[in-house]
Amino acid sequence: MMRADSVHAGRGAVEEDAAPRGASMVPEGFELIPPFGPFHELTGPLYHKRVEHGYVVGMRVEDKHRNRGQMVHGGMICMLADTAFSWASGHVRPAAAQALTSHLSVGFAGNAKPGDWIEAHVDIVKAGRRVVFSDCFIWCNGKRIAHATAQFQIVSVGGGATD
């Protein structure tokens, strides 16, 4: 790996020799998230890191993520928020359970373009036995471009609610 110029909030970036497509510049400290399924294989790659007050999931915006206006499609912002919430919720639930989105609300305040690095900073507000409540901001180039809230139902791997 070789160091490159900063791409987000003054942090260094890492250029990976065998980086996944579209991931030539990933900020330090981020690790690849294995795809959750076929949808994430199409939209990814996505990266994560643990921070003092929660979790961060990030991605490099690619041309395939944009709308006609040359900016990231709002659906991609929603996907990033939902995936970040799911990733963070997965670290507060029992190992034999999964978190399913039961509510997601996203408000947009800015945009990103292909080549930009965007991050979802998740805060778990409350993690109960059956429900996880979370909040996050999506950041690009030091600016908040979206705010999201979510509620996840915790269910056993077999599909029923946990006790």
C-alpha atoms as a PDB file:
ATOM      1  CA  MET A   1       0.000   0.000   0.000  1.00  0.00           C
ATOM      2  CA  MET A   2       1.121   3.556  -0.567  1.00  0.00           C
ATOM      3  CA  ARG A   3       0.000   6.759   1.081  1.00  0.00           C
ATOM      4  CA  ALA A   4      -1.869   9.353  -0.946  1.00  0.00           C
ATOM      5  CA  ASP A   5      -3.370  12.783  -0.371  1.00  0.00           C
ATOM      6  CA  SER A   6      -6.200  13.169   2.123  1.00  0.00           C
ATOM      7  CA  VAL A   7      -9.676  12.576   0.780  1.00  0.00           C
ATOM      8  CA  HIS A   8     -11.864  13.213   3.837  1.00  0.00           C
ATOM      9  CA  ALA A   9     -11.718  15.470   6.857  1.00  0.00           C
ATOM     10  CA  GLY A  10      -7.956  15.743   6.883  1.00  0.00           C
ATOM     11  CA  ARG A  11      -7.342  11.986   7.179  1.00  0.00           C
ATOM     12  CA  GLY A  12      -4.828  10.108   5.076  1.00  0.00           C
ATOM     13  CA  ALA A  13      -5.913   7.698   2.395  1.00  0.00           C
ATOM     14  CA  VAL A  14      -4.655   4.346   1.289  1.00  0.00           C
ATOM     15  CA  GLU A  15      -4.246   3.276  -2.309  1.00  0.00           C
ATOM     16  CA  GLU A  16      -4.534  -0.489  -2.547  1.00  0.00           C
ATOM     17  CA  ASP A  17      -2.657  -2.422  -5.232  1.00  0.00           C
ATOM     18  CA  ALA A  18      -5.432  -5.008  -5.589  1.00  0.00           C
ATOM     19  CA  ALA A  19      -8.348  -2.749  -4.622  1.00  0.00           C
ATOM     20  CA  PRO A  20     -11.868  -3.684  -5.674  1.00  0.00           C
ATOM     21  CA  ARG A  21     -13.179  -1.803  -8.691  1.00  0.00           C
ATOM     22  CA  GLY A  22     -13.919   1.829  -7.797  1.00  0.00           C
ATOM     23  CA  ALA A  23     -11.982   1.684  -4.548  1.00  0.00           C
ATOM     24  CA  SER A  24      -8.586   3.038  -5.536  1.00  0.00           C
ATOM     25  CA  MET A  25      -8.621   5.507  -2.643  1.00  0.00           C
ATOM     26  CA  VAL A  26      -9.957   4.358   0.713  1.00  0.00           C
ATOM     27  CA  PRO A  27      -9.279   6.434   3.863  1.00  0.00           C
ATOM     28  CA  GLU A  28      -7.070   4.878   6.507  1.00  0.00           C
ATOM     29  CA  GLY A  29      -8.744   2.611   9.039  1.00  0.00           C
ATOM     30  CA  PHE A  30     -11.526   1.368   6.778  1.00  0.00           C
ATOM     31  CA  GLU A  31     -11.962  -2.337   6.065  1.00  0.00           C
ATOM     32  CA  LEU A  32     -13.965  -3.947   3.272  1.00  0.00           C
ATOM     33  CA  ILE A  33     -17.486  -5.109   4.203  1.00  0.00           C
ATOM     34  CA  PRO A  34     -18.339  -8.473   2.659  1.00  0.00           C
ATOM     35  CA  PRO A  35     -21.398  -8.006   0.403  1.00  0.00           C
ATOM     36  CA  PHE A  36     -24.691  -8.724   2.209  1.00  0.00           C
ATOM     37  CA  GLY A  37     -26.035 -10.257  -1.013  1.00  0.00           C
ATOM     38  CA  PRO A  38     -26.456  -9.662  -4.755  1.00  0.00           C
ATOM     39  CA  PHE A  39     -27.712  -6.091  -4.307  1.00  0.00           C
ATOM     40  CA  HIS A  40     -24.568  -5.049  -2.439  1.00  0.00           C
ATOM     41  CA  GLU A  41     -22.409  -6.780  -5.037  1.00  0.00           C
ATOM     42  CA  LEU A  42     -23.961  -4.402  -7.605  1.00  0.00           C
ATOM     43  CA  THR A  43     -23.718  -1.237  -5.493  1.00  0.00           C
ATOM     44  CA  GLY A  44     -20.472  -1.787  -3.578  1.00  0.00           C
ATOM     45  CA  PRO A  45     -17.783  -1.991  -2.506  1.00  0.00           C
ATOM     46  CA  LEU A  46     -18.517  -0.627   0.982  1.00  0.00           C
ATOM     47  CA  TYR A  47     -16.097  -0.162   3.876  1.00  0.00           C
ATOM     48  CA  HIS A  48     -16.462   0.125   7.656  1.00  0.00           C
ATOM     49  CA  LYS A  49     -14.626   1.222  10.753  1.00  0.00           C
ATOM     50  CA  ARG A  50     -15.393   1.431  14.455  1.00  0.00           C
ATOM     51  CA  VAL A  51     -15.090   4.861  16.039  1.00  0.00           C
ATOM     52  CA  GLU A  52     -15.407   6.012  19.638  1.00  0.00           C
ATOM     53  CA  HIS A  53     -19.106   6.863  19.396  1.00  0.00           C
ATOM     54  CA  GLY A  54     -20.376   4.261  16.940  1.00  0.00           C
ATOM     55  CA  TYR A  55     -19.711   2.994  13.454  1.00  0.00           C
ATOM     56  CA  VAL A  56     -18.858   4.521  10.094  1.00  0.00           C
ATOM     57  CA  VAL A  57     -19.618   2.946   6.718  1.00  0.00           C
ATOM     58  CA  GLY A  58     -18.157   4.582   3.631  1.00  0.00           C
ATOM     59  CA  MET A  59     -17.963   4.245  -0.111  1.00  0.00           C
ATOM     60  CA  ARG A  60     -16.349   5.868  -3.127  1.00  0.00           C
ATOM     61  CA  VAL A  61     -19.068   7.306  -5.401  1.00  0.00           C
ATOM     62  CA  GLU A  62     -18.727   5.792  -8.863  1.00  0.00           C
ATOM     63  CA  ASP A  63     -20.296   6.814 -12.162  1.00  0.00           C
ATOM     64  CA  LYS A  64     -22.787   3.935 -11.792  1.00  0.00           C
ATOM     65  CA  HIS A  65     -24.129   5.607  -8.604  1.00  0.00           C
ATOM     66  CA  ARG A  66     -25.121   8.922 -10.209  1.00  0.00           C
ATOM     67  CA  ASN A  67     -28.314  10.296 -11.645  1.00  0.00           C
ATOM     68  CA  ARG A  68     -28.664  12.404 -14.809  1.00  0.00           C
ATOM     69  CA  GLY A  69     -27.580  15.460 -12.867  1.00  0.00           C
ATOM     70  CA  GLN A  70     -24.042  14.102 -12.373  1.00  0.00           C
ATOM     71  CA  MET A  71     -24.567  13.628  -8.626  1.00  0.00           C
ATOM     72  CA  VAL A  72     -25.065  10.562  -6.475  1.00  0.00           C
ATOM     73  CA  HIS A  73     -28.616   9.205  -6.753  1.00  0.00           C
ATOM     74  CA  GLY A  74     -30.721   9.642  -3.605  1.00  0.00           C
ATOM     75  CA  GLY A  75     -31.372   5.907  -3.601  1.00  0.00           C
ATOM     76  CA  MET A  76     -27.647   5.295  -3.123  1.00  0.00           C
ATOM     77  CA  ILE A  77     -27.654   7.598  -0.097  1.00  0.00           C
ATOM     78  CA  CYS A  78     -30.595   5.598   1.288  1.00  0.00           C
ATOM     79  CA  MET A  79     -28.746   2.320   0.599  1.00  0.00           C
ATOM     80  CA  LEU A  80     -25.629   3.618   2.365  1.00  0.00           C
ATOM     81  CA  ALA A  81     -27.657   4.710   5.401  1.00  0.00           C
ATOM     82  CA  ASP A  82     -29.601   1.423   5.571  1.00  0.00           C
ATOM     83  CA  THR A  83     -26.422  -0.647   5.210  1.00  0.00           C
ATOM     84  CA  ALA A  84     -24.615   1.417   7.853  1.00  0.00           C
ATOM     85  CA  PHE A  85     -27.544   1.019  10.244  1.00  0.00           C
ATOM     86  CA  SER A  86     -27.648  -2.710   9.573  1.00  0.00           C
ATOM     87  CA  TRP A  87     -23.883  -3.037  10.104  1.00  0.00           C
ATOM     88  CA  ALA A  88     -24.004  -1.096  13.379  1.00  0.00           C
ATOM     89  CA  SER A  89     -27.115  -2.937  14.610  1.00  0.00           C
ATOM     90  CA  GLY A  90     -25.350  -6.221  13.877  1.00  0.00           C
ATOM     91  CA  HIS A  91     -22.785  -5.388  16.528  1.00  0.00           C
ATOM     92  CA  VAL A  92     -25.334  -4.820  19.303  1.00  0.00           C
ATOM     93  CA  ARG A  93     -27.621  -7.812  18.725  1.00  0.00           C
ATOM     94  CA  PRO A  94     -27.199 -11.418  19.906  1.00  0.00           C
ATOM     95  CA  ALA A  95     -25.128 -13.612  17.590  1.00  0.00           C
ATOM     96  CA  ALA A  96     -28.137 -15.867  16.810  1.00  0.00           C
ATOM     97  CA  ALA A  97     -30.314 -12.921  15.702  1.00  0.00           C
ATOM     98  CA  GLN A  98     -30.546 -10.577  12.751  1.00  0.00           C
ATOM     99  CA  ALA A  99     -31.714  -6.978  12.407  1.00  0.00           C
ATOM    100  CA  LEU A 100     -34.399  -6.176   9.836  1.00  0.00           C
ATOM    101  CA  THR A 101     -35.251  -2.627   8.783  1.00  0.00           C
ATOM    102  CA  SER A 102     -38.702  -1.667  10.052  1.00  0.00           C
ATOM    103  CA  HIS A 103     -38.361   2.108   9.586  1.00  0.00           C
ATOM    104  CA  LEU A 104     -35.954   4.271   7.562  1.00  0.00           C
ATOM    105  CA  SER A 105     -36.248   8.017   7.074  1.00  0.00           C
ATOM    106  CA  VAL A 106     -33.723  10.020   5.056  1.00  0.00           C
ATOM    107  CA  GLY A 107     -33.541  13.778   4.515  1.00  0.00           C
ATOM    108  CA  PHE A 108     -31.183  15.285   1.946  1.00  0.00           C
ATOM    109  CA  ALA A 109     -29.135  18.444   2.523  1.00  0.00           C
ATOM    110  CA  GLY A 110     -26.425  18.281  -0.140  1.00  0.00           C
ATOM    111  CA  ASN A 111     -24.902  16.033  -2.774  1.00  0.00           C
ATOM    112  CA  ALA A 112     -21.805  14.145  -3.897  1.00  0.00           C
ATOM    113  CA  LYS A 113     -20.370  13.406  -7.324  1.00  0.00           C
ATOM    114  CA  PRO A 114     -18.443  10.505  -8.818  1.00  0.00           C
ATOM    115  CA  GLY A 115     -14.999  10.308  -7.224  1.00  0.00           C
ATOM    116  CA  ASP A 116     -16.169  11.642  -3.840  1.00  0.00           C
ATOM    117  CA  TRP A 117     -15.802   9.562  -0.675  1.00  0.00           C
ATOM    118  CA  ILE A 118     -19.017   9.541   1.393  1.00  0.00           C
ATOM    119  CA  GLU A 119     -19.474   8.253   4.942  1.00  0.00           C
ATOM    120  CA  ALA A 120     -22.445   7.314   7.106  1.00  0.00           C
ATOM    121  CA  HIS A 121     -21.672   7.989  10.790  1.00  0.00           C
ATOM    122  CA  VAL A 122     -24.071   5.866  12.866  1.00  0.00           C
ATOM    123  CA  ASP A 123     -25.067   6.423  16.471  1.00  0.00           C
ATOM    124  CA  ILE A 124     -27.048   3.646  18.169  1.00  0.00           C
ATOM    125  CA  VAL A 125     -29.554   5.662  20.205  1.00  0.00           C
ATOM    126  CA  LYS A 126     -31.055   2.670  22.030  1.00  0.00           C
ATOM    127  CA  ALA A 127     -30.534  -1.057  21.607  1.00  0.00           C
ATOM    128  CA  GLY A 128     -33.346  -3.029  23.187  1.00  0.00           C
ATOM    129  CA  ARG A 129     -33.922  -6.779  23.086  1.00  0.00           C
ATOM    130  CA  ARG A 130     -36.365  -6.498  20.173  1.00  0.00           C
ATOM    131  CA  VAL A 131     -35.776  -3.072  18.622  1.00  0.00           C
ATOM    132  CA  VAL A 132     -32.708  -0.940  17.817  1.00  0.00           C
ATOM    133  CA  PHE A 133     -33.113   2.823  17.283  1.00  0.00           C
ATOM    134  CA  SER A 134     -30.353   4.626  15.375  1.00  0.00           C
ATOM    135  CA  ASP A 135     -29.415   7.979  13.919  1.00  0.00           C
ATOM    136  CA  CYS A 136     -26.786   8.965  11.344  1.00  0.00           C
ATOM    137  CA  PHE A 137     -25.382  11.728   9.208  1.00  0.00           C
ATOM    138  CA  ILE A 138     -23.958  11.159   5.738  1.00  0.00           C
ATOM    139  CA  TRP A 139     -20.819  13.246   5.135  1.00  0.00           C
ATOM    140  CA  CYS A 140     -18.982  14.273   1.958  1.00  0.00           C
ATOM    141  CA  ASN A 141     -15.953  16.575   1.824  1.00  0.00           C
ATOM    142  CA  GLY A 142     -16.464  17.739   5.409  1.00  0.00           C
ATOM    143  CA  LYS A 143     -20.151  18.617   4.902  1.00  0.00           C
ATOM    144  CA  ARG A 144     -23.312  16.834   6.009  1.00  0.00           C
ATOM    145  CA  ILE A 145     -25.273  15.875   2.906  1.00  0.00           C
ATOM    146  CA  ALA A 146     -28.025  13.759   4.516  1.00  0.00           C
ATOM    147  CA  HIS A 147     -29.548  12.805   7.850  1.00  0.00           C
ATOM    148  CA  ALA A 148     -31.223   9.466   8.525  1.00  0.00           C
ATOM    149  CA  THR A 149     -33.040   7.731  11.347  1.00  0.00           C
ATOM    150  CA  ALA A 150     -33.890   4.066  11.541  1.00  0.00           C
ATOM    151  CA  GLN A 151     -35.574   1.396  13.578  1.00  0.00           C
ATOM    152  CA  PHE A 152     -34.573  -2.257  13.284  1.00  0.00           C
ATOM    153  CA  GLN A 153     -36.536  -5.248  14.507  1.00  0.00           C
ATOM    154  CA  ILE A 154     -34.353  -7.926  16.102  1.00  0.00           C
ATOM    155  CA  VAL A 155     -35.433 -11.402  15.021  1.00  0.00           C
ATOM    156  CA  SER A 156     -33.994 -14.849  15.589  1.00  0.00           C
ATOM    157  CA  VAL A 157     -32.252 -16.446  12.638  1.00  0.00           C
ATOM    158  CA  GLY A 158     -35.382 -18.629  12.243  1.00  0.00           C
ATOM    159  CA  GLY A 159     -37.491 -15.500  11.698  1.00  0.00           C
ATOM    160  CA  GLY A 160     -39.296 -14.906  15.016  1.00  0.00           C
ATOM    161  CA  ALA A 161     -38.815 -12.020  17.422  1.00  0.00           C
ATOM    162  CA  THR A 162     -36.146 -12.526  20.074  1.00  0.00           C
ATOM    163  CA  ASP A 163     -37.172 -12.853  23.699  1.00  0.00           C
END
